Amino acid sequence: MFVLKIVTDFASAHSLRNYPGDCSRLHGHNWQVEVSVCSKVIDDNGIAIDFREIKKQTKFVIKRLDHQYLNEIEPFDVLNPTAENIAKYFFDEVGLLINNESVKVKEVMIWETPRSAVTYSEK
């Protein structure tokens, strides 16, 4: 199995609903996004999927969230904008854009701070 990973970032603000602490107040993060994609096959050039394509589609999803107040945009206007929910959102949304018969999003890691991260996968 080949696993390819890209790393990018975005900035946004959020407030956690029903959270018993400071994070219930409006605050921002410089999120780091790591998207890992897996494939059992490579093409004649030895490539499973171009890194540029993974970055392009991840940045397409980021564009919806970058410099936004997450609580005001779908699905986070209803869904609590936790790092866990953001990781699953990227997994699902990037997957819709790049998954095919040979390439699948394997996992997404979201870094909320340089010392705090969450990983979402479906395994």
PDB file of N, CA and C in Angstrom:
ATOM      1  N   MET A   1       0.851  -1.182   0.000  1.00  0.00           N
ATOM      2  CA  MET A   1       0.000   0.000   0.000  1.00  0.00           C
ATOM      3  C   MET A   1       0.890   1.236   0.000  1.00  0.00           C
ATOM      4  N   PHE A   2       0.599   2.159  -0.902  1.00  0.00           N
ATOM      5  CA  PHE A   2       1.286   3.447  -0.931  1.00  0.00           C
ATOM      6  C   PHE A   2       0.447   4.445  -0.151  1.00  0.00           C
ATOM      7  N   VAL A   3       1.095   5.237   0.680  1.00  0.00           N
ATOM      8  CA  VAL A   3       0.409   6.287   1.425  1.00  0.00           C
ATOM      9  C   VAL A   3       1.101   7.606   1.107  1.00  0.00           C
ATOM     10  N   LEU A   4       0.340   8.544   0.582  1.00  0.00           N
ATOM     11  CA  LEU A   4       0.853   9.860   0.241  1.00  0.00           C
ATOM     12  C   LEU A   4       0.248  10.867   1.207  1.00  0.00           C
ATOM     13  N   LYS A   5       1.036  11.848   1.607  1.00  0.00           N
ATOM     14  CA  LYS A   5       0.548  12.836   2.568  1.00  0.00           C
ATOM     15  C   LYS A   5       0.911  14.238   2.118  1.00  0.00           C
ATOM     16  N   ILE A   6      -0.047  15.151   2.251  1.00  0.00           N
ATOM     17  CA  ILE A   6       0.225  16.575   2.052  1.00  0.00           C
ATOM     18  C   ILE A   6      -0.096  17.302   3.353  1.00  0.00           C
ATOM     19  N   VAL A   7       0.531  18.449   3.517  1.00  0.00           N
ATOM     20  CA  VAL A   7       0.313  19.285   4.694  1.00  0.00           C
ATOM     21  C   VAL A   7       0.048  20.703   4.215  1.00  0.00           C
ATOM     22  N   THR A   8      -1.005  21.299   4.736  1.00  0.00           N
ATOM     23  CA  THR A   8      -1.335  22.684   4.421  1.00  0.00           C
ATOM     24  C   THR A   8      -1.983  23.300   5.652  1.00  0.00           C
ATOM     25  N   ASP A   9      -2.490  24.516   5.530  1.00  0.00           N
ATOM     26  CA  ASP A   9      -3.048  25.162   6.706  1.00  0.00           C
ATOM     27  C   ASP A   9      -4.094  26.202   6.332  1.00  0.00           C
ATOM     28  N   PHE A  10      -4.794  26.670   7.350  1.00  0.00           N
ATOM     29  CA  PHE A  10      -5.751  27.752   7.197  1.00  0.00           C
ATOM     30  C   PHE A  10      -5.987  28.378   8.565  1.00  0.00           C
ATOM     31  N   ALA A  11      -6.592  29.550   8.551  1.00  0.00           N
ATOM     32  CA  ALA A  11      -6.900  30.254   9.792  1.00  0.00           C
ATOM     33  C   ALA A  11      -8.407  30.455   9.883  1.00  0.00           C
ATOM     34  N   SER A  12      -8.942  30.263  11.072  1.00  0.00           N
ATOM     35  CA  SER A  12     -10.368  30.527  11.285  1.00  0.00           C
ATOM     36  C   SER A  12     -10.628  30.693  12.770  1.00  0.00           C
ATOM     37  N   ALA A  13     -11.833  31.142  13.075  1.00  0.00           N
ATOM     38  CA  ALA A  13     -12.263  31.307  14.455  1.00  0.00           C
ATOM     39  C   ALA A  13     -13.439  30.379  14.717  1.00  0.00           C
ATOM     40  N   HIS A  14     -13.630  30.067  15.980  1.00  0.00           N
ATOM     41  CA  HIS A  14     -14.784  29.273  16.384  1.00  0.00           C
ATOM     42  C   HIS A  14     -15.039  29.489  17.865  1.00  0.00           C
ATOM     43  N   SER A  15     -16.158  28.994  18.317  1.00  0.00           N
ATOM     44  CA  SER A  15     -16.454  28.907  19.744  1.00  0.00           C
ATOM     45  C   SER A  15     -17.172  27.581  19.947  1.00  0.00           C
ATOM     46  N   LEU A  16     -16.801  26.872  20.984  1.00  0.00           N
ATOM     47  CA  LEU A  16     -17.377  25.550  21.214  1.00  0.00           C
ATOM     48  C   LEU A  16     -18.658  25.675  22.028  1.00  0.00           C
ATOM     49  N   ARG A  17     -19.723  25.147  21.475  1.00  0.00           N
ATOM     50  CA  ARG A  17     -21.011  25.182  22.161  1.00  0.00           C
ATOM     51  C   ARG A  17     -21.011  24.202  23.334  1.00  0.00           C
ATOM     52  N   ASN A  18     -21.624  24.612  24.429  1.00  0.00           N
ATOM     53  CA  ASN A  18     -21.776  23.769  25.622  1.00  0.00           C
ATOM     54  C   ASN A  18     -20.459  23.277  26.198  1.00  0.00           C
ATOM     55  N   TYR A  19     -19.406  24.036  25.992  1.00  0.00           N
ATOM     56  CA  TYR A  19     -18.091  23.662  26.526  1.00  0.00           C
ATOM     57  C   TYR A  19     -17.878  24.386  27.855  1.00  0.00           C
ATOM     58  N   PRO A  20     -17.505  23.665  28.912  1.00  0.00           N
ATOM     59  CA  PRO A  20     -17.379  24.281  30.238  1.00  0.00           C
ATOM     60  C   PRO A  20     -16.012  24.927  30.469  1.00  0.00           C
ATOM     61  N   GLY A  21     -15.623  25.839  29.591  1.00  0.00           N
ATOM     62  CA  GLY A  21     -14.316  26.474  29.756  1.00  0.00           C
ATOM     63  C   GLY A  21     -14.124  27.608  28.769  1.00  0.00           C
ATOM     64  N   ASP A  22     -12.880  28.087  28.701  1.00  0.00           N
ATOM     65  CA  ASP A  22     -12.559  29.247  27.881  1.00  0.00           C
ATOM     66  C   ASP A  22     -12.887  29.068  26.401  1.00  0.00           C
ATOM     67  N   CYS A  23     -12.831  27.846  25.897  1.00  0.00           N
ATOM     68  CA  CYS A  23     -13.063  27.619  24.464  1.00  0.00           C
ATOM     69  C   CYS A  23     -14.519  27.845  24.052  1.00  0.00           C
ATOM     70  N   SER A  24     -15.378  28.102  25.023  1.00  0.00           N
ATOM     71  CA  SER A  24     -16.764  28.450  24.685  1.00  0.00           C
ATOM     72  C   SER A  24     -16.844  29.888  24.163  1.00  0.00           C
ATOM     73  N   ARG A  25     -15.779  30.655  24.389  1.00  0.00           N
ATOM     74  CA  ARG A  25     -15.734  32.027  23.877  1.00  0.00           C
ATOM     75  C   ARG A  25     -15.075  32.044  22.504  1.00  0.00           C
ATOM     76  N   LEU A  26     -15.401  33.042  21.728  1.00  0.00           N
ATOM     77  CA  LEU A  26     -14.825  33.213  20.389  1.00  0.00           C
ATOM     78  C   LEU A  26     -13.297  33.275  20.480  1.00  0.00           C
ATOM     79  N   HIS A  27     -12.631  32.448  19.669  1.00  0.00           N
ATOM     80  CA  HIS A  27     -11.175  32.445  19.586  1.00  0.00           C
ATOM     81  C   HIS A  27     -10.754  31.865  18.249  1.00  0.00           C
ATOM     82  N   GLY A  28      -9.505  32.080  17.872  1.00  0.00           N
ATOM     83  CA  GLY A  28      -9.040  31.627  16.570  1.00  0.00           C
ATOM     84  C   GLY A  28      -7.896  30.641  16.648  1.00  0.00           C
ATOM     85  N   HIS A  29      -7.667  29.981  15.519  1.00  0.00           N
ATOM     86  CA  HIS A  29      -6.570  29.022  15.395  1.00  0.00           C
ATOM     87  C   HIS A  29      -5.944  29.152  14.018  1.00  0.00           C
ATOM     88  N   ASN A  30      -4.671  28.817  13.953  1.00  0.00           N
ATOM     89  CA  ASN A  30      -4.002  28.560  12.683  1.00  0.00           C
ATOM     90  C   ASN A  30      -3.924  27.043  12.579  1.00  0.00           C
ATOM     91  N   TRP A  31      -4.911  26.477  11.898  1.00  0.00           N
ATOM     92  CA  TRP A  31      -5.048  25.026  11.794  1.00  0.00           C
ATOM     93  C   TRP A  31      -4.035  24.480  10.792  1.00  0.00           C
ATOM     94  N   GLN A  32      -3.448  23.347  11.106  1.00  0.00           N
ATOM     95  CA  GLN A  32      -2.645  22.617  10.136  1.00  0.00           C
ATOM     96  C   GLN A  32      -3.438  21.386   9.725  1.00  0.00           C
ATOM     97  N   VAL A  33      -3.476  21.125   8.440  1.00  0.00           N
ATOM     98  CA  VAL A  33      -4.253  20.014   7.884  1.00  0.00           C
ATOM     99  C   VAL A  33      -3.303  19.044   7.193  1.00  0.00           C
ATOM    100  N   GLU A  34      -3.347  17.776   7.611  1.00  0.00           N
ATOM    101  CA  GLU A  34      -2.580  16.721   6.961  1.00  0.00           C
ATOM    102  C   GLU A  34      -3.571  15.732   6.356  1.00  0.00           C
ATOM    103  N   VAL A  35      -3.476  15.535   5.060  1.00  0.00           N
ATOM    104  CA  VAL A  35      -4.345  14.583   4.367  1.00  0.00           C
ATOM    105  C   VAL A  35      -3.482  13.447   3.842  1.00  0.00           C
ATOM    106  N   SER A  36      -3.809  12.227   4.258  1.00  0.00           N
ATOM    107  CA  SER A  36      -3.116  11.028   3.779  1.00  0.00           C
ATOM    108  C   SER A  36      -4.046  10.262   2.851  1.00  0.00           C
ATOM    109  N   VAL A  37      -3.504   9.863   1.716  1.00  0.00           N
ATOM    110  CA  VAL A  37      -4.250   9.151   0.677  1.00  0.00           C
ATOM    111  C   VAL A  37      -3.530   7.833   0.424  1.00  0.00           C
ATOM    112  N   CYS A  38      -4.291   6.766   0.217  1.00  0.00           N
ATOM    113  CA  CYS A  38      -3.665   5.468  -0.034  1.00  0.00           C
ATOM    114  C   CYS A  38      -4.084   4.901  -1.379  1.00  0.00           C
ATOM    115  N   SER A  39      -3.198   4.081  -1.916  1.00  0.00           N
ATOM    116  CA  SER A  39      -3.467   3.397  -3.179  1.00  0.00           C
ATOM    117  C   SER A  39      -2.595   2.146  -3.246  1.00  0.00           C
ATOM    118  N   LYS A  40      -3.163   1.089  -3.798  1.00  0.00           N
ATOM    119  CA  LYS A  40      -2.396  -0.136  -3.999  1.00  0.00           C
ATOM    120  C   LYS A  40      -1.710  -0.140  -5.357  1.00  0.00           C
ATOM    121  N   VAL A  41      -2.099   0.788  -6.222  1.00  0.00           N
ATOM    122  CA  VAL A  41      -1.559   0.782  -7.588  1.00  0.00           C
ATOM    123  C   VAL A  41      -0.895   2.115  -7.904  1.00  0.00           C
ATOM    124  N   ILE A  42       0.065   2.040  -8.815  1.00  0.00           N
ATOM    125  CA  ILE A  42       0.696   3.236  -9.356  1.00  0.00           C
ATOM    126  C   ILE A  42       0.658   3.144 -10.878  1.00  0.00           C
ATOM    127  N   ASP A  43       0.730   4.293 -11.518  1.00  0.00           N
ATOM    128  CA  ASP A  43       0.668   4.297 -12.984  1.00  0.00           C
ATOM    129  C   ASP A  43       2.033   3.981 -13.583  1.00  0.00           C
ATOM    130  N   ASP A  44       2.127   4.071 -14.909  1.00  0.00           N
ATOM    131  CA  ASP A  44       3.379   3.748 -15.606  1.00  0.00           C
ATOM    132  C   ASP A  44       4.526   4.670 -15.217  1.00  0.00           C
ATOM    133  N   ASN A  45       4.206   5.849 -14.698  1.00  0.00           N
ATOM    134  CA  ASN A  45       5.229   6.782 -14.240  1.00  0.00           C
ATOM    135  C   ASN A  45       5.597   6.562 -12.776  1.00  0.00           C
ATOM    136  N   GLY A  46       4.948   5.587 -12.137  1.00  0.00           N
ATOM    137  CA  GLY A  46       5.233   5.299 -10.742  1.00  0.00           C
ATOM    138  C   GLY A  46       4.491   6.197  -9.767  1.00  0.00           C
ATOM    139  N   ILE A  47       3.349   6.739 -10.210  1.00  0.00           N
ATOM    140  CA  ILE A  47       2.595   7.689  -9.393  1.00  0.00           C
ATOM    141  C   ILE A  47       1.214   7.118  -9.076  1.00  0.00           C
ATOM    142  N   ALA A  48       0.824   7.209  -7.807  1.00  0.00           N
ATOM    143  CA  ALA A  48      -0.523   6.793  -7.396  1.00  0.00           C
ATOM    144  C   ALA A  48      -1.516   7.917  -7.669  1.00  0.00           C
ATOM    145  N   ILE A  49      -1.195   9.115  -7.209  1.00  0.00           N
ATOM    146  CA  ILE A  49      -1.945  10.342  -7.464  1.00  0.00           C
ATOM    147  C   ILE A  49      -0.945  11.475  -7.286  1.00  0.00           C
ATOM    148  N   ASP A  50      -1.040  12.476  -8.100  1.00  0.00           N
ATOM    149  CA  ASP A  50      -0.115  13.598  -8.023  1.00  0.00           C
ATOM    150  C   ASP A  50      -0.332  14.355  -6.716  1.00  0.00           C
ATOM    151  N   PHE A  51       0.745  14.666  -6.021  1.00  0.00           N
ATOM    152  CA  PHE A  51       0.638  15.461  -4.798  1.00  0.00           C
ATOM    153  C   PHE A  51      -0.106  16.772  -5.058  1.00  0.00           C
ATOM    154  N   ARG A  52       0.119  17.335  -6.240  1.00  0.00           N
ATOM    155  CA  ARG A  52      -0.558  18.601  -6.573  1.00  0.00           C
ATOM    156  C   ARG A  52      -2.069  18.447  -6.568  1.00  0.00           C
ATOM    157  N   GLU A  53      -2.568  17.297  -6.978  1.00  0.00           N
ATOM    158  CA  GLU A  53      -4.015  17.068  -6.988  1.00  0.00           C
ATOM    159  C   GLU A  53      -4.565  16.968  -5.565  1.00  0.00           C
ATOM    160  N   ILE A  54      -3.835  16.297  -4.693  1.00  0.00           N
ATOM    161  CA  ILE A  54      -4.277  16.218  -3.294  1.00  0.00           C
ATOM    162  C   ILE A  54      -4.311  17.618  -2.693  1.00  0.00           C
ATOM    163  N   LYS A  55      -3.250  18.404  -2.917  1.00  0.00           N
ATOM    164  CA  LYS A  55      -3.199  19.774  -2.392  1.00  0.00           C
ATOM    165  C   LYS A  55      -4.313  20.635  -2.980  1.00  0.00           C
ATOM    166  N   LYS A  56      -4.518  20.519  -4.282  1.00  0.00           N
ATOM    167  CA  LYS A  56      -5.545  21.330  -4.955  1.00  0.00           C
ATOM    168  C   LYS A  56      -6.924  21.076  -4.352  1.00  0.00           C
ATOM    169  N   GLN A  57      -7.277  19.822  -4.178  1.00  0.00           N
ATOM    170  CA  GLN A  57      -8.608  19.491  -3.665  1.00  0.00           C
ATOM    171  C   GLN A  57      -8.735  19.829  -2.182  1.00  0.00           C
ATOM    172  N   THR A  58      -7.655  19.662  -1.428  1.00  0.00           N
ATOM    173  CA  THR A  58      -7.679  20.044  -0.012  1.00  0.00           C
ATOM    174  C   THR A  58      -7.839  21.555   0.108  1.00  0.00           C
ATOM    175  N   LYS A  59      -7.139  22.307  -0.720  1.00  0.00           N
ATOM    176  CA  LYS A  59      -7.257  23.770  -0.679  1.00  0.00           C
ATOM    177  C   LYS A  59      -8.635  24.237  -1.136  1.00  0.00           C
ATOM    178  N   PHE A  60      -9.268  23.478  -2.011  1.00  0.00           N
ATOM    179  CA  PHE A  60     -10.639  23.794  -2.410  1.00  0.00           C
ATOM    180  C   PHE A  60     -11.568  23.723  -1.195  1.00  0.00           C
ATOM    181  N   VAL A  61     -11.379  22.709  -0.368  1.00  0.00           N
ATOM    182  CA  VAL A  61     -12.175  22.577   0.859  1.00  0.00           C
ATOM    183  C   VAL A  61     -11.783  23.677   1.854  1.00  0.00           C
ATOM    184  N   ILE A  62     -10.499  23.939   1.977  1.00  0.00           N
ATOM    185  CA  ILE A  62     -10.023  24.980   2.891  1.00  0.00           C
ATOM    186  C   ILE A  62     -10.638  26.333   2.556  1.00  0.00           C
ATOM    187  N   LYS A  63     -10.792  26.617   1.279  1.00  0.00           N
ATOM    188  CA  LYS A  63     -11.312  27.920   0.861  1.00  0.00           C
ATOM    189  C   LYS A  63     -12.661  28.230   1.515  1.00  0.00           C
ATOM    190  N   ARG A  64     -13.460  27.200   1.779  1.00  0.00           N
ATOM    191  CA  ARG A  64     -14.757  27.391   2.438  1.00  0.00           C
ATOM    192  C   ARG A  64     -14.606  27.833   3.888  1.00  0.00           C
ATOM    193  N   LEU A  65     -13.489  27.453   4.533  1.00  0.00           N
ATOM    194  CA  LEU A  65     -13.309  27.664   5.969  1.00  0.00           C
ATOM    195  C   LEU A  65     -12.321  28.773   6.317  1.00  0.00           C
ATOM    196  N   ASP A  66     -11.426  29.091   5.398  1.00  0.00           N
ATOM    197  CA  ASP A  66     -10.337  30.016   5.695  1.00  0.00           C
ATOM    198  C   ASP A  66     -10.852  31.412   6.020  1.00  0.00           C
ATOM    199  N   HIS A  67     -10.360  31.958   7.112  1.00  0.00           N
ATOM    200  CA  HIS A  67     -10.726  33.295   7.597  1.00  0.00           C
ATOM    201  C   HIS A  67     -12.231  33.456   7.771  1.00  0.00           C
ATOM    202  N   GLN A  68     -12.845  32.417   8.303  1.00  0.00           N
ATOM    203  CA  GLN A  68     -14.277  32.418   8.587  1.00  0.00           C
ATOM    204  C   GLN A  68     -14.504  32.167  10.073  1.00  0.00           C
ATOM    205  N   TYR A  69     -15.691  32.558  10.528  1.00  0.00           N
ATOM    206  CA  TYR A  69     -16.162  32.159  11.851  1.00  0.00           C
ATOM    207  C   TYR A  69     -16.925  30.865  11.614  1.00  0.00           C
ATOM    208  N   LEU A  70     -16.316  29.745  11.977  1.00  0.00           N
ATOM    209  CA  LEU A  70     -16.850  28.428  11.612  1.00  0.00           C
ATOM    210  C   LEU A  70     -18.283  28.207  12.084  1.00  0.00           C
ATOM    211  N   ASN A  71     -18.646  28.754  13.217  1.00  0.00           N
ATOM    212  CA  ASN A  71     -19.992  28.558  13.759  1.00  0.00           C
ATOM    213  C   ASN A  71     -21.089  29.104  12.847  1.00  0.00           C
ATOM    214  N   GLU A  72     -20.724  29.920  11.880  1.00  0.00           N
ATOM    215  CA  GLU A  72     -21.717  30.538  11.000  1.00  0.00           C
ATOM    216  C   GLU A  72     -21.832  29.876   9.634  1.00  0.00           C
ATOM    217  N   ILE A  73     -21.005  28.848   9.362  1.00  0.00           N
ATOM    218  CA  ILE A  73     -21.062  28.214   8.046  1.00  0.00           C
ATOM    219  C   ILE A  73     -21.369  26.725   8.186  1.00  0.00           C
ATOM    220  N   GLU A  74     -22.026  26.172   7.165  1.00  0.00           N
ATOM    221  CA  GLU A  74     -22.385  24.752   7.178  1.00  0.00           C
ATOM    222  C   GLU A  74     -21.133  23.883   7.150  1.00  0.00           C
ATOM    223  N   PRO A  75     -21.115  22.783   7.806  1.00  0.00           N
ATOM    224  CA  PRO A  75     -22.145  22.215   8.668  1.00  0.00           C
ATOM    225  C   PRO A  75     -22.015  22.664  10.124  1.00  0.00           C
ATOM    226  N   PHE A  76     -21.053  23.571  10.369  1.00  0.00           N
ATOM    227  CA  PHE A  76     -20.731  23.941  11.748  1.00  0.00           C
ATOM    228  C   PHE A  76     -21.696  24.962  12.345  1.00  0.00           C
ATOM    229  N   ASP A  77     -22.654  25.399  11.549  1.00  0.00           N
ATOM    230  CA  ASP A  77     -23.719  26.219  12.118  1.00  0.00           C
ATOM    231  C   ASP A  77     -24.626  25.356  12.996  1.00  0.00           C
ATOM    232  N   VAL A  78     -24.593  24.035  12.778  1.00  0.00           N
ATOM    233  CA  VAL A  78     -25.347  23.070  13.583  1.00  0.00           C
ATOM    234  C   VAL A  78     -24.390  22.155  14.350  1.00  0.00           C
ATOM    235  N   LEU A  79     -23.373  21.662  13.670  1.00  0.00           N
ATOM    236  CA  LEU A  79     -22.394  20.743  14.235  1.00  0.00           C
ATOM    237  C   LEU A  79     -21.337  21.538  15.014  1.00  0.00           C
ATOM    238  N   ASN A  80     -21.032  21.129  16.228  1.00  0.00           N
ATOM    239  CA  ASN A  80     -20.040  21.830  17.033  1.00  0.00           C
ATOM    240  C   ASN A  80     -18.690  21.812  16.303  1.00  0.00           C
ATOM    241  N   PRO A  81     -18.051  22.972  16.109  1.00  0.00           N
ATOM    242  CA  PRO A  81     -16.810  23.030  15.337  1.00  0.00           C
ATOM    243  C   PRO A  81     -15.572  22.605  16.138  1.00  0.00           C
ATOM    244  N   THR A  82     -15.604  21.389  16.638  1.00  0.00           N
ATOM    245  CA  THR A  82     -14.460  20.830  17.362  1.00  0.00           C
ATOM    246  C   THR A  82     -13.410  20.353  16.365  1.00  0.00           C
ATOM    247  N   ALA A  83     -12.201  20.162  16.837  1.00  0.00           N
ATOM    248  CA  ALA A  83     -11.155  19.620  15.969  1.00  0.00           C
ATOM    249  C   ALA A  83     -11.562  18.252  15.422  1.00  0.00           C
ATOM    250  N   GLU A  84     -12.259  17.464  16.243  1.00  0.00           N
ATOM    251  CA  GLU A  84     -12.724  16.146  15.802  1.00  0.00           C
ATOM    252  C   GLU A  84     -13.682  16.265  14.618  1.00  0.00           C
ATOM    253  N   ASN A  85     -14.654  17.164  14.736  1.00  0.00           N
ATOM    254  CA  ASN A  85     -15.635  17.338  13.658  1.00  0.00           C
ATOM    255  C   ASN A  85     -15.012  17.964  12.420  1.00  0.00           C
ATOM    256  N   ILE A  86     -14.040  18.825  12.610  1.00  0.00           N
ATOM    257  CA  ILE A  86     -13.341  19.426  11.465  1.00  0.00           C
ATOM    258  C   ILE A  86     -12.530  18.370  10.732  1.00  0.00           C
ATOM    259  N   ALA A  87     -11.881  17.475  11.460  1.00  0.00           N
ATOM    260  CA  ALA A  87     -11.113  16.395  10.832  1.00  0.00           C
ATOM    261  C   ALA A  87     -12.019  15.494   9.993  1.00  0.00           C
ATOM    262  N   LYS A  88     -13.171  15.129  10.529  1.00  0.00           N
ATOM    263  CA  LYS A  88     -14.107  14.290   9.779  1.00  0.00           C
ATOM    264  C   LYS A  88     -14.649  15.035   8.565  1.00  0.00           C
ATOM    265  N   TYR A  89     -14.904  16.315   8.716  1.00  0.00           N
ATOM    266  CA  TYR A  89     -15.372  17.140   7.596  1.00  0.00           C
ATOM    267  C   TYR A  89     -14.361  17.093   6.446  1.00  0.00           C
ATOM    268  N   PHE A  90     -13.080  17.290   6.754  1.00  0.00           N
ATOM    269  CA  PHE A  90     -12.060  17.234   5.701  1.00  0.00           C
ATOM    270  C   PHE A  90     -11.980  15.838   5.099  1.00  0.00           C
ATOM    271  N   PHE A  91     -12.045  14.805   5.919  1.00  0.00           N
ATOM    272  CA  PHE A  91     -12.007  13.436   5.421  1.00  0.00           C
ATOM    273  C   PHE A  91     -13.124  13.216   4.397  1.00  0.00           C
ATOM    274  N   ASP A  92     -14.329  13.619   4.762  1.00  0.00           N
ATOM    275  CA  ASP A  92     -15.480  13.410   3.882  1.00  0.00           C
ATOM    276  C   ASP A  92     -15.410  14.275   2.626  1.00  0.00           C
ATOM    277  N   GLU A  93     -15.103  15.549   2.799  1.00  0.00           N
ATOM    278  CA  GLU A  93     -15.148  16.487   1.671  1.00  0.00           C
ATOM    279  C   GLU A  93     -14.010  16.266   0.677  1.00  0.00           C
ATOM    280  N   VAL A  94     -12.813  16.049   1.168  1.00  0.00           N
ATOM    281  CA  VAL A  94     -11.702  15.754   0.254  1.00  0.00           C
ATOM    282  C   VAL A  94     -11.941  14.401  -0.406  1.00  0.00           C
ATOM    283  N   GLY A  95     -12.481  13.458   0.346  1.00  0.00           N
ATOM    284  CA  GLY A  95     -12.809  12.145  -0.217  1.00  0.00           C
ATOM    285  C   GLY A  95     -13.786  12.242  -1.379  1.00  0.00           C
ATOM    286  N   LEU A  96     -14.782  13.095  -1.259  1.00  0.00           N
ATOM    287  CA  LEU A  96     -15.734  13.285  -2.366  1.00  0.00           C
ATOM    288  C   LEU A  96     -15.031  13.765  -3.629  1.00  0.00           C
ATOM    289  N   LEU A  97     -13.954  14.497  -3.464  1.00  0.00           N
ATOM    290  CA  LEU A  97     -13.256  15.088  -4.608  1.00  0.00           C
ATOM    291  C   LEU A  97     -12.199  14.184  -5.226  1.00  0.00           C
ATOM    292  N   ILE A  98     -11.588  13.294  -4.429  1.00  0.00           N
ATOM    293  CA  ILE A  98     -10.485  12.504  -5.002  1.00  0.00           C
ATOM    294  C   ILE A  98     -10.657  10.999  -4.939  1.00  0.00           C
ATOM    295  N   ASN A  99     -11.554  10.496  -4.111  1.00  0.00           N
ATOM    296  CA  ASN A  99     -11.690   9.038  -4.036  1.00  0.00           C
ATOM    297  C   ASN A  99     -12.143   8.470  -5.371  1.00  0.00           C
ATOM    298  N   ASN A 100     -11.529   7.353  -5.754  1.00  0.00           N
ATOM    299  CA  ASN A 100     -11.962   6.607  -6.945  1.00  0.00           C
ATOM    300  C   ASN A 100     -11.665   5.132  -6.700  1.00  0.00           C
ATOM    301  N   GLU A 101     -11.695   4.330  -7.721  1.00  0.00           N
ATOM    302  CA  GLU A 101     -11.521   2.892  -7.530  1.00  0.00           C
ATOM    303  C   GLU A 101     -10.133   2.516  -7.020  1.00  0.00           C
ATOM    304  N   SER A 102      -9.127   3.379  -7.218  1.00  0.00           N
ATOM    305  CA  SER A 102      -7.781   3.009  -6.773  1.00  0.00           C
ATOM    306  C   SER A 102      -7.180   3.940  -5.721  1.00  0.00           C
ATOM    307  N   VAL A 103      -7.777   5.105  -5.511  1.00  0.00           N
ATOM    308  CA  VAL A 103      -7.235   6.081  -4.565  1.00  0.00           C
ATOM    309  C   VAL A 103      -8.310   6.443  -3.552  1.00  0.00           C
ATOM    310  N   LYS A 104      -7.947   6.442  -2.277  1.00  0.00           N
ATOM    311  CA  LYS A 104      -8.901   6.777  -1.201  1.00  0.00           C
ATOM    312  C   LYS A 104      -8.208   7.624  -0.144  1.00  0.00           C
ATOM    313  N   VAL A 105      -8.951   8.554   0.448  1.00  0.00           N
ATOM    314  CA  VAL A 105      -8.437   9.254   1.617  1.00  0.00           C
ATOM    315  C   VAL A 105      -8.317   8.227   2.738  1.00  0.00           C
ATOM    316  N   LYS A 106      -7.150   8.140   3.312  1.00  0.00           N
ATOM    317  CA  LYS A 106      -6.878   7.177   4.386  1.00  0.00           C
ATOM    318  C   LYS A 106      -7.146   7.784   5.755  1.00  0.00           C
ATOM    319  N   GLU A 107      -6.634   9.008   5.972  1.00  0.00           N
ATOM    320  CA  GLU A 107      -6.867   9.691   7.237  1.00  0.00           C
ATOM    321  C   GLU A 107      -6.593  11.172   7.089  1.00  0.00           C
ATOM    322  N   VAL A 108      -7.159  11.925   7.998  1.00  0.00           N
ATOM    323  CA  VAL A 108      -6.916  13.364   8.077  1.00  0.00           C
ATOM    324  C   VAL A 108      -6.513  13.689   9.502  1.00  0.00           C
ATOM    325  N   MET A 109      -5.436  14.448   9.629  1.00  0.00           N
ATOM    326  CA  MET A 109      -5.010  14.935  10.939  1.00  0.00           C
ATOM    327  C   MET A 109      -5.156  16.450  10.944  1.00  0.00           C
ATOM    328  N   ILE A 110      -5.817  16.954  11.964  1.00  0.00           N
ATOM    329  CA  ILE A 110      -6.003  18.393  12.144  1.00  0.00           C
ATOM    330  C   ILE A 110      -5.250  18.812  13.394  1.00  0.00           C
ATOM    331  N   TRP A 111      -4.338  19.752  13.218  1.00  0.00           N
ATOM    332  CA  TRP A 111      -3.600  20.326  14.344  1.00  0.00           C
ATOM    333  C   TRP A 111      -4.278  21.635  14.719  1.00  0.00           C
ATOM    334  N   GLU A 112      -4.807  21.695  15.937  1.00  0.00           N
ATOM    335  CA  GLU A 112      -5.444  22.901  16.439  1.00  0.00           C
ATOM    336  C   GLU A 112      -4.383  23.876  16.959  1.00  0.00           C
ATOM    337  N   THR A 113      -3.351  23.322  17.552  1.00  0.00           N
ATOM    338  CA  THR A 113      -2.186  24.076  18.004  1.00  0.00           C
ATOM    339  C   THR A 113      -0.963  23.226  17.649  1.00  0.00           C
ATOM    340  N   PRO A 114       0.238  23.773  17.799  1.00  0.00           N
ATOM    341  CA  PRO A 114       1.429  22.950  17.514  1.00  0.00           C
ATOM    342  C   PRO A 114       1.572  21.738  18.427  1.00  0.00           C
ATOM    343  N   ARG A 115       0.779  21.672  19.499  1.00  0.00           N
ATOM    344  CA  ARG A 115       0.896  20.550  20.439  1.00  0.00           C
ATOM    345  C   ARG A 115      -0.388  19.749  20.595  1.00  0.00           C
ATOM    346  N   SER A 116      -1.434  20.065  19.817  1.00  0.00           N
ATOM    347  CA  SER A 116      -2.717  19.371  19.964  1.00  0.00           C
ATOM    348  C   SER A 116      -3.300  19.045  18.598  1.00  0.00           C
ATOM    349  N   ALA A 117      -3.534  17.746  18.371  1.00  0.00           N
ATOM    350  CA  ALA A 117      -4.037  17.311  17.077  1.00  0.00           C
ATOM    351  C   ALA A 117      -5.033  16.167  17.253  1.00  0.00           C
ATOM    352  N   VAL A 118      -5.853  15.973  16.242  1.00  0.00           N
ATOM    353  CA  VAL A 118      -6.768  14.845  16.198  1.00  0.00           C
ATOM    354  C   VAL A 118      -6.674  14.212  14.808  1.00  0.00           C
ATOM    355  N   THR A 119      -6.780  12.901  14.762  1.00  0.00           N
ATOM    356  CA  THR A 119      -6.774  12.170  13.493  1.00  0.00           C
ATOM    357  C   THR A 119      -8.115  11.489  13.309  1.00  0.00           C
ATOM    358  N   TYR A 120      -8.649  11.574  12.084  1.00  0.00           N
ATOM    359  CA  TYR A 120      -9.874  10.852  11.754  1.00  0.00           C
ATOM    360  C   TYR A 120      -9.577   9.900  10.598  1.00  0.00           C
ATOM    361  N   SER A 121     -10.032   8.655  10.756  1.00  0.00           N
ATOM    362  CA  SER A 121      -9.990   7.662   9.685  1.00  0.00           C
ATOM    363  C   SER A 121     -11.201   6.768   9.865  1.00  0.00           C
ATOM    364  N   GLU A 122     -11.451   5.934   8.897  1.00  0.00           N
ATOM    365  CA  GLU A 122     -12.589   5.027   9.014  1.00  0.00           C
ATOM    366  C   GLU A 122     -12.145   3.595   9.212  1.00  0.00           C
ATOM    367  N   LYS A 123     -11.049   3.410   9.924  1.00  0.00           N
ATOM    368  CA  LYS A 123     -10.555   2.057  10.232  1.00  0.00           C
ATOM    369  C   LYS A 123     -10.563   1.834  11.704  1.00  0.00           C
TER     370      LYS A 123
END
